[in-house]
Amino acid sequence: MIGSAVDSGSLLAALASVAAVAIFVSVSLWIAVKRPGLGMIFFFVLFAFAWRLVSVLYIDVFGPIFSDQLALEIGPGVSVLPIAISQGIVVIALLFSFRRQRVLQLVGPDESGLASRLPPGRFSLSDLAFLAAALFVVALWVELLVRGPIPLFAGIERFDYTRLYGGSLHHRLLEWGPMLVFQLGIFFAIPLLHDEPSDRRFGALFGALILYLFLAGHRFSSLYVYSSFFVMPIGAVLIGRQAKSRSLGEIASRKLLRYLAVGGVVLLVLIAGAVAYSYIVVRGEGGVLLSKLSQRILIQQGEMWWMTYDRVFQHNDWNSSHAAYKLFVDPFDPARNSTMQFLMELALPLQRAHYIIAQGSAYTGGWPEVFFELGGPIAGFALVALSAIIFSEFMFLMTRCIIQERFATCFFLTPILFALSITIVSGMVNSFVQMTFLIKVAVALVAYITEDKWRLHLVLPGHSAGSEKEA
């Protein structure tokens, strides 16, 4: 009798976990198929969410499973339910922010692009942007070729190359790369708003950066992040096309998606080759390749969430004041993501956690763990909802700026976009209390107001003169 009850409870828990994951994946696929522009804007987040859900489900259903990184067994349970609810809150927020009636209002008689209003000049803004980006990319390649061995051919880990050989341009790329490719994506896609072909020059620059990362020893994470930020503005432009004309927008979507699908296949081949080369050649772990991949794909994505679930939901063990202190006041390394440092200190022996962090490494996770460590099992959901609303509304603002070709505002909003995106994926919250972030917000606000007044002058050129005559 008792054994049957336990088996029945375990079966119901497994079915509930599978159903939660199936619902989220189905909704994500529906967004990708029915609203491809929205899917591209949120690909960075949705892919990370789906991967973590599958990992947590694996731990729940097949646990107890040994985690190499934590050096202990984790699972089973129903830890997938609260994280699925958290991710569902984000999806609901983004669908509400990008509801069709609101999207249609992005394009109106006074909210078109600026191409037809600006006088012709010797150089266009896209030409100047291409020249600046091309100079950086060429200099980056020259630096790679003259400073030392190429990591891919020499079998050097990317961390070791950065520490021993990487030049100043290499370090700037690692720091600003996703924001750079976001700008490339804007100039690549903007011509589509005017029924012109995409600017393939910027696509070529993006390809050159991806190839550079591949040769520099980078694997999945970097290629995934860079590609995600490149397609974000493309998704925004597709939304703008559909807002102008639903039929033309769908035609443009299908045509562009075919090209992106080909690029995606090439990217997947690069990623597969980079991962296999790293494990087999660089690390010499070919004999345990399947075991390492199993840990990387099915366990490491969800292990930190399972630890938070076990502490907060199972044992009611959380301390808001201590969490806030370690996150915002006294992290081990204030220059990096304090969330993962705090979670690793909770999950590992302190000395081991600090050693790993000092080597420049960190485990995967952070969101929504950070909010439940701060707020507990109830208030944690409120913090999740708050983060979801802020993120989705900001993404709508960014989409609006891209569609309306507010290039200056987009440029200064990009660092904020990067910070918010990283927060939703990895839970990094300490960047928001730094003075540099507040300065970035202030500068972006000034840029928005200034560009808005300039646009108003272009749209209504006689407005200022008329006002002066009346005065």
Protein backbone atom coordinates (compact mmCIF):
# COMPACT_ATOMS: atom_id res chain seq x y z
CA MET A 1 0.00 0.00 0.00
CA ILE A 2 2.69 2.51 1.02
CA GLY A 3 4.88 1.51 -1.89
CA SER A 4 1.97 1.95 -4.31
CA ALA A 5 1.20 5.40 -2.90
CA VAL A 6 4.83 6.45 -3.29
CA ASP A 7 4.94 5.14 -6.86
CA SER A 8 1.68 6.93 -7.66
CA GLY A 9 2.96 10.18 -6.21
CA SER A 10 6.20 9.91 -8.16
CA LEU A 11 4.28 9.21 -11.36
CA LEU A 12 1.99 12.21 -10.84
CA ALA A 13 5.02 14.43 -10.11
CA ALA A 14 6.73 13.22 -13.27
CA LEU A 15 3.60 13.80 -15.36
CA ALA A 16 3.17 17.31 -13.93
CA SER A 17 6.81 18.12 -14.69
CA VAL A 18 6.57 16.80 -18.25
CA ALA A 19 3.33 18.73 -18.82
CA ALA A 20 4.89 21.99 -17.59
CA VAL A 21 7.85 21.62 -19.94
CA ALA A 22 5.62 20.58 -22.86
CA ILE A 23 3.42 23.66 -22.42
CA PHE A 24 6.38 26.05 -22.34
CA VAL A 25 8.08 24.44 -25.36
CA SER A 26 4.79 24.46 -27.29
CA VAL A 27 4.21 28.14 -26.62
CA SER A 28 7.80 28.95 -27.62
CA LEU A 29 7.37 27.03 -30.89
CA TRP A 30 4.06 28.81 -31.51
CA ILE A 31 5.83 32.17 -31.11
CA ALA A 32 8.61 31.08 -33.49
CA VAL A 33 6.14 29.93 -36.17
CA LYS A 34 3.31 32.44 -35.87
CA ARG A 35 5.32 35.48 -34.84
CA PRO A 36 8.86 34.90 -36.13
CA GLY A 37 9.90 38.50 -35.52
CA LEU A 38 9.04 38.19 -31.86
CA GLY A 39 10.76 34.82 -31.73
CA MET A 40 13.97 36.35 -33.09
CA ILE A 41 13.89 39.23 -30.62
CA PHE A 42 13.54 36.84 -27.69
CA PHE A 43 15.53 33.90 -29.10
CA PHE A 44 18.37 34.56 -26.64
CA VAL A 45 16.00 34.19 -23.69
CA LEU A 46 13.62 31.52 -24.99
CA PHE A 47 16.40 29.14 -26.03
CA ALA A 48 18.12 29.47 -22.67
CA PHE A 49 14.80 28.95 -20.88
CA ALA A 50 13.94 25.81 -22.86
CA TRP A 51 17.39 24.30 -22.35
CA ARG A 52 17.26 24.87 -18.59
CA LEU A 53 13.75 23.41 -18.39
CA VAL A 54 14.82 20.23 -20.17
CA SER A 55 17.82 19.92 -17.86
CA VAL A 56 15.73 20.43 -14.72
CA LEU A 57 13.16 17.92 -16.00
CA TYR A 58 15.94 15.38 -16.57
CA ILE A 59 17.15 15.85 -12.99
CA ASP A 60 13.60 15.58 -11.63
CA VAL A 61 12.62 12.47 -13.54
CA PHE A 62 15.89 10.50 -13.62
CA GLY A 63 17.38 11.61 -10.30
CA PRO A 64 19.23 11.00 -8.14
CA ILE A 65 21.96 11.89 -10.64
CA PHE A 66 25.58 12.62 -9.84
CA SER A 67 26.75 16.13 -10.70
CA ASP A 68 30.45 16.41 -11.50
CA GLN A 69 30.56 20.10 -10.69
CA LEU A 70 28.72 19.87 -7.38
CA ALA A 71 30.29 16.50 -6.48
CA LEU A 72 26.98 15.19 -5.11
CA GLU A 73 23.76 13.55 -6.23
CA ILE A 74 20.78 15.76 -7.08
CA GLY A 75 17.12 14.97 -7.76
CA PRO A 76 14.48 13.70 -8.04
CA GLY A 77 11.61 16.09 -7.33
CA VAL A 78 9.25 18.58 -8.93
CA SER A 79 11.70 21.48 -9.15
CA VAL A 80 10.68 22.08 -12.75
CA LEU A 81 7.26 23.45 -11.72
CA PRO A 82 8.34 26.73 -10.04
CA ILE A 83 10.95 27.49 -12.71
CA ALA A 84 8.42 26.74 -15.46
CA ILE A 85 5.95 29.12 -13.81
CA SER A 86 8.67 31.77 -13.58
CA GLN A 87 9.54 31.41 -17.25
CA GLY A 88 5.85 31.40 -18.13
CA ILE A 89 5.48 34.78 -16.40
CA VAL A 90 8.18 36.17 -18.71
CA VAL A 91 6.42 34.80 -21.80
CA ILE A 92 3.09 36.28 -20.69
CA ALA A 93 4.76 39.65 -20.09
CA LEU A 94 6.39 39.73 -23.52
CA LEU A 95 3.18 38.67 -25.30
CA PHE A 96 1.31 41.42 -23.45
CA SER A 97 3.95 44.05 -24.25
CA PHE A 98 3.96 43.00 -27.92
CA ARG A 99 0.19 42.56 -28.31
CA ARG A 100 -0.88 43.13 -31.90
CA GLN A 101 -2.89 46.30 -31.29
CA ARG A 102 0.13 47.93 -29.68
CA VAL A 103 2.53 46.75 -32.37
CA LEU A 104 0.35 48.23 -35.11
CA GLN A 105 0.67 51.64 -33.46
CA LEU A 106 4.43 51.56 -33.93
CA VAL A 107 4.00 52.61 -37.54
CA GLY A 108 1.87 55.65 -38.30
CA PRO A 109 1.86 58.70 -40.57
CA ASP A 110 4.26 60.54 -38.24
CA GLU A 111 6.28 57.54 -37.11
CA SER A 112 7.92 56.38 -40.33
CA GLY A 113 11.63 56.03 -40.89
CA LEU A 114 13.87 58.96 -41.65
CA ALA A 115 15.30 57.89 -45.01
CA SER A 116 12.87 59.99 -47.08
CA ARG A 117 13.30 63.05 -44.88
CA LEU A 118 17.08 63.34 -44.74
CA PRO A 119 18.85 65.26 -47.53
CA PRO A 120 21.28 63.19 -49.63
CA GLY A 121 24.90 63.45 -48.53
CA ARG A 122 28.27 62.26 -49.65
CA PHE A 123 28.25 59.47 -47.07
CA SER A 124 25.24 57.82 -45.51
CA LEU A 125 25.11 56.79 -41.87
CA SER A 126 25.32 53.13 -42.89
CA ASP A 127 28.50 53.84 -44.88
CA LEU A 128 30.13 55.51 -41.89
CA ALA A 129 29.00 52.69 -39.58
CA PHE A 130 30.38 50.08 -41.99
CA LEU A 131 33.71 51.89 -42.26
CA ALA A 132 34.11 52.12 -38.48
CA ALA A 133 33.11 48.49 -37.88
CA ALA A 134 35.24 47.21 -40.78
CA LEU A 135 38.33 49.00 -39.45
CA PHE A 136 37.83 47.34 -36.07
CA VAL A 137 37.27 43.88 -37.55
CA VAL A 138 40.31 44.13 -39.84
CA ALA A 139 42.50 45.36 -36.98
CA LEU A 140 41.18 42.52 -34.81
CA TRP A 141 42.19 39.93 -37.39
CA VAL A 142 45.61 41.52 -37.82
CA GLU A 143 46.10 41.38 -34.06
CA LEU A 144 45.18 37.69 -34.01
CA LEU A 145 47.64 36.84 -36.77
CA VAL A 146 50.65 38.76 -35.42
CA ARG A 147 50.47 38.38 -31.63
CA GLY A 148 50.95 34.66 -31.23
CA PRO A 149 49.58 31.18 -31.96
CA ILE A 150 46.04 30.75 -33.23
CA PRO A 151 44.17 28.87 -30.44
CA LEU A 152 42.27 26.51 -32.74
CA PHE A 153 45.45 25.23 -34.42
CA ALA A 154 47.63 25.32 -31.29
CA GLY A 155 45.09 23.58 -29.05
CA ILE A 156 44.93 26.47 -26.57
CA GLU A 157 41.91 27.07 -24.34
CA ARG A 158 40.20 30.40 -25.01
CA PHE A 159 40.74 31.50 -21.39
CA ASP A 160 44.46 30.80 -21.63
CA TYR A 161 44.73 32.61 -24.96
CA THR A 162 42.98 35.67 -23.56
CA ARG A 163 45.24 35.70 -20.51
CA LEU A 164 48.54 34.99 -22.28
CA TYR A 165 48.24 36.35 -25.81
CA GLY A 166 45.06 38.37 -26.24
CA GLY A 167 45.61 41.99 -27.25
CA SER A 168 43.61 45.07 -26.39
CA LEU A 169 41.23 44.65 -29.34
CA HIS A 170 40.59 41.03 -28.36
CA HIS A 171 39.69 42.11 -24.84
CA ARG A 172 37.42 44.87 -26.18
CA LEU A 173 35.62 42.30 -28.34
CA LEU A 174 35.01 40.01 -25.37
CA GLU A 175 33.68 42.99 -23.42
CA TRP A 176 31.58 44.70 -26.10
CA GLY A 177 31.14 42.02 -28.78
CA PRO A 178 27.40 41.27 -28.33
CA MET A 179 26.64 44.99 -28.35
CA LEU A 180 28.71 45.45 -31.51
CA VAL A 181 26.91 42.68 -33.41
CA PHE A 182 23.59 44.15 -32.28
CA GLN A 183 24.53 47.36 -34.11
CA LEU A 184 25.59 45.31 -37.13
CA GLY A 185 22.19 43.64 -37.09
CA ILE A 186 20.44 47.02 -37.09
CA PHE A 187 22.24 48.27 -40.19
CA PHE A 188 21.91 44.86 -41.84
CA ALA A 189 18.13 44.84 -41.49
CA ILE A 190 17.04 48.50 -41.70
CA PRO A 191 16.88 48.57 -45.55
CA LEU A 192 14.08 45.98 -45.34
CA LEU A 193 11.85 48.69 -43.85
CA HIS A 194 12.10 50.52 -47.20
CA ASP A 195 11.51 47.47 -49.42
CA GLU A 196 15.21 47.22 -50.20
CA PRO A 197 17.56 44.23 -49.83
CA SER A 198 19.32 43.82 -46.52
CA ASP A 199 22.80 45.36 -46.33
CA ARG A 200 24.99 42.31 -46.75
CA ARG A 201 28.15 44.24 -45.89
CA PHE A 202 27.17 44.04 -42.22
CA GLY A 203 26.32 40.38 -42.59
CA ALA A 204 29.85 39.81 -43.89
CA LEU A 205 31.31 41.64 -40.87
CA PHE A 206 29.23 39.47 -38.56
CA GLY A 207 30.49 36.36 -40.33
CA ALA A 208 34.07 37.59 -39.93
CA LEU A 209 33.54 38.00 -36.17
CA ILE A 210 32.02 34.52 -35.85
CA LEU A 211 34.97 33.00 -37.73
CA TYR A 212 37.36 34.96 -35.48
CA LEU A 213 35.70 33.56 -32.36
CA PHE A 214 35.90 30.05 -33.81
CA LEU A 215 39.63 30.40 -34.47
CA ALA A 216 40.12 31.98 -31.03
CA GLY A 217 38.86 28.79 -29.39
CA HIS A 218 35.32 29.87 -28.51
CA ARG A 219 32.60 27.28 -28.55
CA PHE A 220 28.85 27.25 -28.10
CA SER A 221 28.28 30.04 -25.57
CA SER A 222 29.95 32.87 -27.48
CA LEU A 223 28.58 31.85 -30.88
CA TYR A 224 25.08 31.54 -29.41
CA VAL A 225 25.22 34.94 -27.68
CA TYR A 226 26.62 36.79 -30.70
CA SER A 227 24.11 35.22 -33.08
CA SER A 228 21.21 35.99 -30.74
CA PHE A 229 22.11 39.67 -30.51
CA PHE A 230 22.60 39.92 -34.27
CA VAL A 231 19.09 38.59 -35.04
CA MET A 232 17.32 40.75 -32.41
CA PRO A 233 17.11 43.87 -34.64
CA ILE A 234 16.21 41.69 -37.62
CA GLY A 235 13.20 40.46 -35.66
CA ALA A 236 12.27 44.06 -34.81
CA VAL A 237 12.41 45.02 -38.49
CA LEU A 238 10.18 42.06 -39.42
CA ILE A 239 7.65 43.25 -36.84
CA GLY A 240 7.82 46.72 -38.41
CA ARG A 241 7.27 45.28 -41.89
CA GLN A 242 4.21 43.37 -40.73
CA ALA A 243 2.88 46.47 -38.98
CA LYS A 244 3.11 48.39 -42.27
CA SER A 245 1.69 45.61 -44.43
CA ARG A 246 0.84 42.18 -43.10
CA SER A 247 1.12 40.43 -46.50
CA LEU A 248 4.42 42.09 -47.46
CA GLY A 249 5.74 41.49 -43.99
CA GLU A 250 5.01 37.77 -44.20
CA ILE A 251 6.68 37.57 -47.64
CA ALA A 252 9.77 39.32 -46.29
CA SER A 253 9.74 37.06 -43.23
CA ARG A 254 9.70 33.86 -45.27
CA LYS A 255 12.44 35.05 -47.61
CA LEU A 256 14.71 36.30 -44.84
CA LEU A 257 14.10 33.25 -42.67
CA ARG A 258 15.30 31.00 -45.47
CA TYR A 259 18.61 32.85 -45.58
CA LEU A 260 18.86 32.80 -41.80
CA ALA A 261 18.14 29.07 -41.77
CA VAL A 262 21.11 28.47 -44.07
CA GLY A 263 23.27 30.63 -41.83
CA GLY A 264 21.96 28.74 -38.81
CA VAL A 265 23.00 25.40 -40.30
CA VAL A 266 26.51 26.73 -40.95
CA LEU A 267 26.64 28.04 -37.39
CA LEU A 268 25.55 24.69 -35.96
CA VAL A 269 28.31 22.94 -37.92
CA LEU A 270 30.85 25.42 -36.50
CA ILE A 271 29.55 24.88 -32.97
CA ALA A 272 29.61 21.11 -33.27
CA GLY A 273 33.15 21.20 -34.64
CA ALA A 274 34.31 23.65 -31.94
CA VAL A 275 32.85 21.58 -29.11
CA ALA A 276 34.22 18.28 -30.41
CA TYR A 277 37.67 19.80 -31.05
CA SER A 278 37.74 21.35 -27.59
CA TYR A 279 36.96 18.12 -25.76
CA ILE A 280 38.97 15.75 -27.96
CA VAL A 281 42.05 17.79 -28.92
CA VAL A 282 42.39 20.70 -26.50
CA ARG A 283 41.33 18.91 -23.31
CA GLY A 284 42.16 15.37 -24.37
CA GLU A 285 38.86 14.01 -23.05
CA GLY A 286 37.77 12.09 -26.13
CA GLY A 287 37.40 8.88 -24.15
CA VAL A 288 34.77 10.40 -21.89
CA LEU A 289 33.21 12.70 -24.50
CA LEU A 290 29.67 11.35 -24.11
CA SER A 291 29.84 11.59 -20.33
CA LYS A 292 31.12 15.18 -20.50
CA LEU A 293 28.45 16.19 -23.00
CA SER A 294 25.78 14.56 -20.85
CA GLN A 295 26.90 16.63 -17.87
CA ARG A 296 27.12 19.81 -19.96
CA ILE A 297 23.78 19.44 -21.73
CA LEU A 298 21.52 17.61 -19.28
CA ILE A 299 22.82 18.41 -15.80
CA GLN A 300 24.88 21.60 -15.61
CA GLN A 301 22.07 23.77 -16.99
CA GLY A 302 19.71 22.83 -14.17
CA GLU A 303 21.87 21.84 -11.21
CA MET A 304 22.07 25.30 -9.61
CA TRP A 305 18.30 25.74 -9.82
CA TRP A 306 17.78 22.34 -8.20
CA MET A 307 19.99 23.42 -5.30
CA THR A 308 17.96 26.61 -4.81
CA TYR A 309 14.71 24.66 -5.08
CA ASP A 310 15.92 22.17 -2.49
CA ARG A 311 16.95 24.95 -0.08
CA VAL A 312 14.09 27.40 -0.53
CA PHE A 313 11.07 25.26 -1.45
CA GLN A 314 11.93 21.99 0.28
CA HIS A 315 13.65 23.17 3.47
CA ASN A 316 12.48 26.79 3.69
CA ASP A 317 16.14 27.82 4.03
CA TRP A 318 16.66 31.35 2.70
CA ASN A 319 17.99 34.61 4.12
CA SER A 320 17.07 37.84 2.31
CA SER A 321 19.46 40.12 4.18
CA HIS A 322 22.42 37.79 3.74
CA ALA A 323 21.63 37.33 0.06
CA ALA A 324 21.35 41.10 -0.51
CA TYR A 325 24.64 41.67 1.32
CA LYS A 326 26.51 39.11 -0.79
CA LEU A 327 24.89 40.29 -4.01
CA PHE A 328 25.25 44.05 -3.68
CA VAL A 329 27.73 44.84 -0.90
CA ASP A 330 30.38 42.15 -0.52
CA PRO A 331 30.66 39.77 -3.50
CA PHE A 332 33.90 37.82 -3.89
CA ASP A 333 34.63 39.59 -7.22
CA PRO A 334 32.60 42.84 -7.58
CA ALA A 335 33.53 43.13 -11.27
CA ARG A 336 31.64 39.96 -12.20
CA ASN A 337 28.21 38.39 -11.79
CA SER A 338 27.69 38.33 -8.03
CA THR A 339 24.62 36.09 -8.34
CA MET A 340 26.55 33.06 -9.53
CA GLN A 341 29.29 33.71 -6.99
CA PHE A 342 26.70 33.70 -4.20
CA LEU A 343 24.98 30.55 -5.48
CA MET A 344 28.31 28.74 -5.86
CA GLU A 345 29.28 29.72 -2.29
CA LEU A 346 26.02 28.17 -1.08
CA ALA A 347 26.41 24.98 -3.12
CA LEU A 348 30.15 24.30 -2.77
CA PRO A 349 32.80 24.38 -0.06
CA LEU A 350 33.77 28.04 0.20
CA GLN A 351 37.43 27.51 -0.69
CA ARG A 352 36.56 25.51 -3.80
CA ALA A 353 33.96 28.05 -4.92
CA HIS A 354 36.43 30.93 -4.61
CA TYR A 355 39.13 28.97 -6.46
CA ILE A 356 36.81 28.34 -9.42
CA ILE A 357 35.67 31.96 -9.50
CA ALA A 358 39.28 33.20 -9.32
CA GLN A 359 40.10 31.12 -12.40
CA GLY A 360 37.54 33.13 -14.37
CA SER A 361 34.93 30.35 -14.46
CA ALA A 362 31.36 30.22 -13.21
CA TYR A 363 28.54 27.71 -13.22
CA THR A 364 25.36 28.08 -15.27
CA GLY A 365 22.17 29.59 -13.91
CA GLY A 366 21.22 32.54 -11.74
CA TRP A 367 17.72 33.39 -12.93
CA PRO A 368 15.24 32.91 -11.30
CA GLU A 369 17.37 31.55 -8.43
CA VAL A 370 18.45 35.03 -7.33
CA PHE A 371 14.88 36.21 -6.76
CA PHE A 372 13.90 33.22 -4.66
CA GLU A 373 17.08 33.55 -2.61
CA LEU A 374 16.08 37.19 -2.01
CA GLY A 375 12.33 36.78 -1.57
CA GLY A 376 11.69 33.18 -0.64
CA PRO A 377 9.09 30.87 -2.19
CA ILE A 378 6.28 33.49 -2.26
CA ALA A 379 7.80 36.94 -2.74
CA GLY A 380 10.25 35.39 -5.19
CA PHE A 381 7.46 35.13 -7.77
CA ALA A 382 6.68 38.83 -7.32
CA LEU A 383 10.32 39.69 -8.04
CA VAL A 384 10.22 37.40 -11.07
CA ALA A 385 7.12 39.21 -12.36
CA LEU A 386 8.76 42.61 -11.81
CA SER A 387 11.86 41.58 -13.75
CA ALA A 388 9.68 40.16 -16.54
CA ILE A 389 7.68 43.39 -16.92
CA ILE A 390 10.79 45.59 -16.94
CA PHE A 391 12.50 43.38 -19.50
CA SER A 392 9.54 43.02 -21.87
CA GLU A 393 8.70 46.73 -21.78
CA PHE A 394 12.32 47.67 -22.44
CA MET A 395 12.43 45.27 -25.39
CA PHE A 396 9.30 46.93 -26.78
CA LEU A 397 10.99 50.32 -26.42
CA MET A 398 14.07 49.04 -28.23
CA THR A 399 11.91 47.56 -30.99
CA ARG A 400 10.13 50.89 -31.38
CA CYS A 401 13.44 52.73 -31.67
CA ILE A 402 14.70 50.31 -34.35
CA ILE A 403 11.52 50.50 -36.42
CA GLN A 404 11.48 54.29 -36.22
CA GLU A 405 15.21 54.43 -37.01
CA ARG A 406 16.24 56.22 -33.85
CA PHE A 407 19.86 55.22 -34.37
CA ALA A 408 21.39 57.41 -31.65
CA THR A 409 18.92 56.17 -29.05
CA CYS A 410 19.48 52.54 -30.10
CA PHE A 411 23.23 53.01 -29.74
CA PHE A 412 22.99 54.31 -26.17
CA LEU A 413 20.28 51.83 -25.18
CA THR A 414 22.39 48.85 -26.28
CA PRO A 415 24.44 48.54 -23.04
CA ILE A 416 21.18 48.58 -21.05
CA LEU A 417 19.75 45.93 -23.39
CA PHE A 418 22.79 43.75 -22.76
CA ALA A 419 22.54 44.16 -18.97
CA LEU A 420 18.81 43.31 -18.90
CA SER A 421 19.21 40.33 -21.22
CA ILE A 422 22.06 38.91 -19.16
CA THR A 423 19.95 39.40 -16.01
CA ILE A 424 17.03 37.39 -17.41
CA VAL A 425 19.36 34.56 -18.43
CA SER A 426 22.00 34.53 -15.67
CA GLY A 427 20.44 36.58 -12.87
CA MET A 428 23.16 39.26 -12.79
CA VAL A 429 21.69 42.02 -10.62
CA ASN A 430 24.76 43.77 -9.19
CA SER A 431 25.30 45.75 -12.41
CA PHE A 432 22.17 47.79 -11.66
CA VAL A 433 23.61 49.30 -8.48
CA GLN A 434 26.81 50.49 -10.12
CA MET A 435 27.30 54.17 -10.92
CA THR A 436 28.32 53.36 -14.50
CA PHE A 437 24.92 51.78 -15.15
CA LEU A 438 23.10 54.85 -13.82
CA ILE A 439 25.23 57.03 -16.08
CA LYS A 440 24.34 54.83 -19.07
CA VAL A 441 20.64 55.20 -18.27
CA ALA A 442 20.98 58.98 -17.96
CA VAL A 443 22.89 59.28 -21.25
CA ALA A 444 20.34 57.09 -23.05
CA LEU A 445 17.51 59.26 -21.72
CA VAL A 446 19.24 62.45 -22.94
CA ALA A 447 19.85 60.83 -26.34
CA TYR A 448 16.19 59.81 -26.61
CA ILE A 449 14.89 63.28 -25.76
CA THR A 450 17.38 65.01 -28.09
CA GLU A 451 16.69 62.67 -30.99
CA ASP A 452 12.96 62.95 -30.43
CA LYS A 453 13.12 66.76 -30.72
CA TRP A 454 15.27 66.47 -33.84
CA ARG A 455 12.79 64.08 -35.41
CA LEU A 456 9.92 66.42 -34.56
CA HIS A 457 11.77 69.23 -36.34
CA LEU A 458 12.17 67.03 -39.44
CA VAL A 459 8.54 65.91 -39.42
CA LEU A 460 7.15 69.41 -38.74
CA PRO A 461 9.78 71.78 -40.21
CA GLY A 462 7.56 74.82 -39.97
CA HIS A 463 6.60 74.21 -36.36
CA SER A 464 9.43 76.25 -34.81
CA ALA A 465 9.10 79.11 -37.31
CA GLY A 466 5.36 79.32 -36.80
CA SER A 467 5.80 79.36 -33.05
CA GLU A 468 8.29 82.27 -33.32
CA LYS A 469 5.92 84.32 -35.46
CA GLU A 470 3.11 83.84 -33.01
CA ALA A 471 5.41 84.94 -30.24
